[in-house]
Structures are given as structure tokens and as C-alpha cells.
């Protein structure tokens, strides 16, 4: 694929996750950044994905209550001691 300007917004939107994850080449990131600077709808999609990732990341850092950790560990231990037969 040529590394000129991107005219197809669907191409940019399809690459947003790779762009946000840093999985694109520097040249490709530059081309997408230039498109985002010139295209309000794509920039809005980018900003939405960025905010969504930040929110999910902050929520996933919440501490699991100790009683829940213990309950899960107990269930794992019970399953390890008494595995169910797959033929049942």
C-alpha cells in the first residue's frame, strides 16, 4: 500500500487500534496522524477510543476485595481436590 495521504476514512478507523497500541510503523503513524489532523469525524472516533481505553484501564485497576479473592481461591482448591469427571 502506498504511503501517501489517506482519503478513505474507513481505512483510518480500521487502523485506530493498531495506532493506539503503537503497532504501526513510524511512517504509517505519521500518515494516520496527518489524516486525523485534517478530518474531524476520524479525530472524533480517535478521541472516543482514547477516552474509552482510559476509562476501561482506570476501572480495571480497582482492587478486588480480599473476601472475593479468598472465595475464588477456595473454589479453585475445591475443584483441584475434587475434579468432576467429564463423562458425567
Protein backbone atom coordinates (compact mmCIF):
# COMPACT_ATOMS: atom_id res chain seq x y z
CA UNK A 1 0.00 0.00 0.00
CA UNK A 2 1.38 3.41 -0.94
CA UNK A 3 2.23 5.71 1.95
CA UNK A 4 0.54 8.81 0.56
CA UNK A 5 -2.37 10.63 2.13
CA UNK A 6 -5.30 8.51 3.21
CA UNK A 7 -8.57 9.57 1.63
CA UNK A 8 -10.68 6.66 2.88
CA UNK A 9 -11.84 7.27 6.44
CA UNK A 10 -12.75 3.60 6.90
CA UNK A 11 -9.07 2.75 6.47
CA UNK A 12 -8.12 5.14 9.28
CA UNK A 13 -10.87 3.91 11.57
CA UNK A 14 -9.85 0.29 10.92
CA UNK A 15 -6.28 1.13 11.97
CA UNK A 16 -7.13 3.08 15.14
CA UNK A 17 -6.48 0.16 17.49
CA UNK A 18 -3.12 -0.56 15.89
CA UNK A 19 -2.33 3.17 16.04
CA UNK A 20 -3.26 3.38 19.73
CA UNK A 21 -1.32 0.19 20.52
CA UNK A 22 1.81 1.52 18.80
CA UNK A 23 1.82 -1.37 16.33
CA UNK A 24 2.29 0.70 13.17
CA UNK A 25 5.48 1.83 11.52
CA UNK A 26 6.54 5.41 12.17
CA UNK A 27 5.71 6.29 8.58
CA UNK A 28 2.23 4.79 8.85
CA UNK A 29 1.60 6.55 12.18
CA UNK A 30 2.56 9.85 10.57
CA UNK A 31 0.14 9.30 7.66
CA UNK A 32 -2.70 8.46 10.05
CA UNK A 33 -1.84 11.41 12.33
CA UNK A 34 -1.96 13.74 9.31
CA UNK A 35 -5.39 12.38 8.38
CA UNK A 36 -6.64 12.82 11.95
CA UNK A 37 -5.42 16.42 11.91
CA UNK A 38 -7.46 17.11 8.78
CA UNK A 39 -10.59 15.00 9.35
CA UNK A 40 -12.94 15.90 12.20
CA UNK A 41 -15.05 12.71 12.09
CA UNK A 42 -11.96 10.48 12.27
CA UNK A 43 -10.48 12.65 15.02
CA UNK A 44 -13.72 12.28 16.99
CA UNK A 45 -13.55 8.49 16.59
CA UNK A 46 -9.91 8.56 17.74
CA UNK A 47 -10.75 10.70 20.77
CA UNK A 48 -13.65 8.42 21.67
CA UNK A 49 -11.44 5.32 21.52
CA UNK A 50 -8.74 7.07 23.54
CA UNK A 51 -11.22 8.07 26.26
CA UNK A 52 -12.82 4.62 26.27
CA UNK A 53 -9.43 2.95 26.75
CA UNK A 54 -8.56 5.33 29.59
CA UNK A 55 -11.86 4.62 31.32
CA UNK A 56 -11.54 0.85 30.94
CA UNK A 57 -7.96 1.00 32.14
CA UNK A 58 -8.84 3.03 35.22
CA UNK A 59 -11.77 0.75 36.08
CA UNK A 60 -9.69 -2.39 35.66
CA UNK A 61 -7.25 -1.14 38.28
CA UNK A 62 -9.80 -1.27 41.05
CA UNK A 63 -8.73 -3.52 43.88
CA UNK A 64 -10.52 -6.80 44.26
CA UNK A 65 -11.91 -7.22 47.80
CA UNK A 66 -9.94 -9.71 49.89
CA UNK A 67 -13.05 -11.81 50.64
CA UNK A 68 -13.64 -12.25 46.91
CA UNK A 69 -10.02 -13.32 46.33
CA UNK A 70 -10.36 -15.87 49.15
CA UNK A 71 -13.64 -17.22 47.77
CA UNK A 72 -12.14 -17.68 44.32
CA UNK A 73 -9.05 -19.39 45.79
CA UNK A 74 -11.28 -21.71 47.83
CA UNK A 75 -13.29 -22.65 44.75
CA UNK A 76 -10.11 -23.37 42.81
CA UNK A 77 -8.80 -25.55 45.63
CA UNK A 78 -12.09 -27.48 45.85
CA UNK A 79 -12.03 -28.09 42.09
CA UNK A 80 -8.42 -29.27 42.24
CA UNK A 81 -9.22 -31.73 45.06
CA UNK A 82 -12.49 -32.97 43.56
CA UNK A 83 -12.27 -32.72 39.77
CA UNK A 84 -15.51 -33.70 38.07
CA UNK A 85 -15.37 -36.50 35.61
CA UNK A 86 -16.01 -35.36 32.05
CA UNK A 87 -18.17 -38.45 31.48
CA UNK A 88 -20.81 -37.30 33.99
